[in-house]
Every structure is written in C-alpha cells, then in structure tokens.
Amino acid sequence: MCDYSLHEVASRPAKVGDRLVSTQFWNTTTHGFAAVGDPKVAVCLLPGTEIAFDNEVQRKETGFFLSFFRKESRYIPHKVGRFRQVNLDNPCTHHDAIEFPDGQIVLLTHLCVGQHATVLQLPAQAMTPVTAEARTRVTHGA
C-alpha cells in the first residue's frame, strides 16, 4: 500500500507500535491509514502486517445492501486483521484490504473514516543466505 505518487500524498513505512487512523486523504478519493496526529502522511503497510483496532471495525455498506437495505455502516465483530492486497490482476480497482479472522476481506475504501488501530506485527522479511548464516552464528555462539 503506498503508490500515492499520482495523488501527491506523502508516505512512510509502518513500524511496530504505530498508532494509525483510517482516513480519506485530502483532495483525493484515496483511503488508507495515516499516523495519529499526522493526517497528511500515509502509513504504508506491507502485505501480512497485523493491526489491532481499538473497537469493532465499522465498514460502509456497498452494492446490494446499500441499494436496498441499509444506509448506515455495519460492524465487523473483530478487532484484529491482517493487511493484504487483492485483485492485483485488475489495474482498475482498489487493491488494499484487511482480512479478518473469519476470512472476511474488506477493502480499505470501505472502512469508515476515523477508526484507530495499532500496528502489532510486521511480516517476516526474507533473508539472504549470508544474513541467515550470520544470524545462526550469533544465536549459536559460533
């Protein structure tokens, strides 16, 4: 999440412990996460990043439900989710989403604005053979 170059939105990578707020970036149709207290800077999440919301997640109704049944937001009965990207084969749609423990996937554009969350864990990074060997020597005292 963070190809905001076309939208002129500043961005930075997420860190464990970051406090986030769901937002719609000024003068764009782009939704994402910003750091609490710095709403103009997008916080970039890597696929696999785990976040914990302060409360049950609220999403906007879309499609069939919006047209016929509900106009208000709906609650998702989870507070923890994992960032992922979907529909990567379609360049004309949104890709950034949160996957919840029950398998439900919600696009960031469907999250209600103003929800607070904390970055719990970043995804594991692949190690080169040299890095893995150095780490093994340090942990085994070689």
Protein backbone atom coordinates (compact mmCIF):
# COMPACT_ATOMS: atom_id res chain seq x y z
CA MET A 1 0.00 0.00 0.00
CA CYS A 2 1.65 3.19 -0.97
CA ASP A 3 1.69 4.07 -4.61
CA TYR A 4 0.40 7.54 -3.85
CA SER A 5 2.75 9.26 -6.28
CA LEU A 6 -0.16 10.13 -8.58
CA HIS A 7 -2.08 11.66 -5.69
CA GLU A 8 0.81 13.68 -4.25
CA VAL A 9 0.34 12.17 -0.79
CA ALA A 10 3.47 11.86 1.35
CA SER A 11 4.09 8.40 2.80
CA ARG A 12 6.31 6.42 5.15
CA PRO A 13 6.63 2.72 6.08
CA ALA A 14 4.78 1.34 9.11
CA LYS A 15 6.61 0.41 12.31
CA VAL A 16 5.52 -1.89 15.12
CA GLY A 17 3.60 0.16 17.66
CA ASP A 18 2.48 2.86 15.20
CA ARG A 19 -0.88 4.36 16.08
CA LEU A 20 -2.98 4.63 12.92
CA VAL A 21 -6.26 6.22 11.91
CA SER A 22 -8.33 5.26 8.86
CA THR A 23 -8.67 8.27 6.61
CA GLN A 24 -9.54 9.64 3.22
CA PHE A 25 -6.58 11.66 2.05
CA TRP A 26 -7.28 15.29 1.34
CA ASN A 27 -8.28 16.20 -2.22
CA THR A 28 -8.27 12.54 -3.36
CA THR A 29 -10.60 9.56 -3.46
CA THR A 30 -7.85 7.51 -1.82
CA HIS A 31 -8.46 5.84 1.56
CA GLY A 32 -5.79 4.37 3.79
CA PHE A 33 -4.08 4.74 7.13
CA ALA A 34 -2.34 7.82 8.47
CA ALA A 35 -0.39 8.23 11.68
CA VAL A 36 -2.48 9.62 14.52
CA GLY A 37 -1.54 13.28 14.72
CA ASP A 38 -0.16 13.42 11.15
CA PRO A 39 -3.20 13.04 8.85
CA LYS A 40 -1.45 14.13 5.66
CA VAL A 41 1.14 11.32 5.69
CA ALA A 42 0.09 7.85 4.56
CA VAL A 43 1.49 4.96 6.62
CA CYS A 44 2.42 2.14 4.24
CA LEU A 45 1.55 -1.38 5.33
CA LEU A 46 3.21 -4.40 3.78
CA PRO A 47 1.06 -7.44 2.99
CA GLY A 48 0.98 -9.56 6.13
CA THR A 49 1.13 -6.63 8.57
CA GLU A 50 -1.12 -7.32 11.56
CA ILE A 51 -3.10 -4.49 13.12
CA ALA A 52 -5.43 -4.24 16.10
CA PHE A 53 -8.33 -1.81 16.04
CA ASP A 54 -9.38 -0.05 19.23
CA ASN A 55 -13.01 -1.10 18.66
CA GLU A 56 -15.01 -3.42 16.42
CA VAL A 57 -14.41 -2.35 12.83
CA GLN A 58 -17.01 -0.26 11.04
CA ARG A 59 -17.43 -0.59 7.30
CA LYS A 60 -19.61 1.31 4.87
CA GLU A 61 -22.32 -0.65 3.13
CA THR A 62 -21.83 -1.10 -0.59
CA GLY A 63 -23.56 -2.74 -3.51
CA PHE A 64 -26.78 -4.66 -2.93
CA PHE A 65 -27.05 -3.87 0.80
CA LEU A 66 -26.60 -0.14 0.23
CA SER A 67 -29.18 -0.06 -2.53
CA PHE A 68 -31.95 -1.99 -0.82
CA PHE A 69 -31.47 -2.40 2.91
CA ARG A 70 -29.10 -0.20 4.86
CA LYS A 71 -27.61 3.21 4.53
CA GLU A 72 -25.66 3.19 7.83
CA SER A 73 -22.37 1.47 8.49
CA ARG A 74 -22.08 -2.13 9.63
CA TYR A 75 -19.89 -3.51 12.41
CA ILE A 76 -17.47 -6.37 11.85
CA PRO A 77 -17.15 -8.45 15.05
CA HIS A 78 -13.36 -8.39 15.05
CA LYS A 79 -10.66 -6.04 16.27
CA VAL A 80 -7.62 -7.73 14.69
CA GLY A 81 -6.85 -8.06 11.00
CA ARG A 82 -4.05 -8.57 8.52
CA PHE A 83 -3.31 -6.19 5.67
CA ARG A 84 -3.28 -7.76 2.23
CA GLN A 85 -3.72 -6.84 -1.40
CA VAL A 86 -6.45 -8.28 -3.60
CA ASN A 87 -7.43 -8.15 -7.28
CA LEU A 88 -3.86 -7.48 -8.36
CA ASP A 89 -4.68 -8.70 -11.87
CA ASN A 90 -7.13 -5.80 -12.28
CA PRO A 91 -5.35 -2.43 -12.50
CA CYS A 92 -8.68 -0.53 -12.47
CA THR A 93 -9.79 -1.39 -8.94
CA HIS A 94 -8.70 -0.91 -5.35
CA HIS A 95 -6.20 -3.44 -4.00
CA ASP A 96 -5.62 -2.60 -0.34
CA ALA A 97 -7.69 -4.61 2.13
CA ILE A 98 -7.87 -6.04 5.64
CA GLU A 99 -8.52 -9.75 6.14
CA PHE A 100 -10.25 -10.68 9.39
CA PRO A 101 -10.00 -13.96 11.36
CA ASP A 102 -13.23 -15.33 9.84
CA GLY A 103 -11.82 -14.88 6.31
CA GLN A 104 -13.85 -11.75 5.56
CA ILE A 105 -11.92 -9.28 3.40
CA VAL A 106 -12.78 -5.57 3.48
CA LEU A 107 -11.24 -3.04 1.13
CA LEU A 108 -9.73 -0.01 2.87
CA THR A 109 -12.03 2.17 0.75
CA HIS A 110 -14.97 0.54 2.55
CA LEU A 111 -13.70 1.26 6.08
CA CYS A 112 -15.36 4.15 7.86
CA VAL A 113 -13.03 7.10 8.38
CA GLY A 114 -11.70 7.86 11.87
CA GLN A 115 -11.07 4.37 13.24
CA HIS A 116 -7.94 3.93 15.34
CA ALA A 117 -5.61 0.94 15.20
CA THR A 118 -2.12 -0.13 16.29
CA VAL A 119 0.47 -1.99 14.22
CA LEU A 120 1.07 -5.26 16.09
CA GLN A 121 3.49 -7.08 13.83
CA LEU A 122 5.22 -6.60 10.50
CA PRO A 123 5.58 -9.51 8.07
CA ALA A 124 8.73 -11.60 8.24
CA GLN A 125 11.34 -10.45 5.76
CA ALA A 126 13.12 -12.94 3.54
CA MET A 127 16.78 -13.39 4.47
CA THR A 128 19.67 -13.87 2.12
CA PRO A 129 21.87 -16.93 2.81
CA VAL A 130 24.60 -14.63 4.19
CA THR A 131 22.18 -12.95 6.63
CA ALA A 132 20.77 -16.31 7.74
CA GLU A 133 24.31 -17.67 8.34
CA ALA A 134 25.30 -14.58 10.33
CA ARG A 135 22.16 -14.85 12.47
CA THR A 136 22.85 -18.54 13.11
CA ARG A 137 26.41 -17.78 14.24
CA VAL A 138 25.19 -15.12 16.65
CA THR A 139 22.46 -17.28 18.21
CA HIS A 140 24.63 -20.42 18.47
CA GLY A 141 27.77 -18.60 19.55
CA ALA A 142 29.90 -19.83 16.65
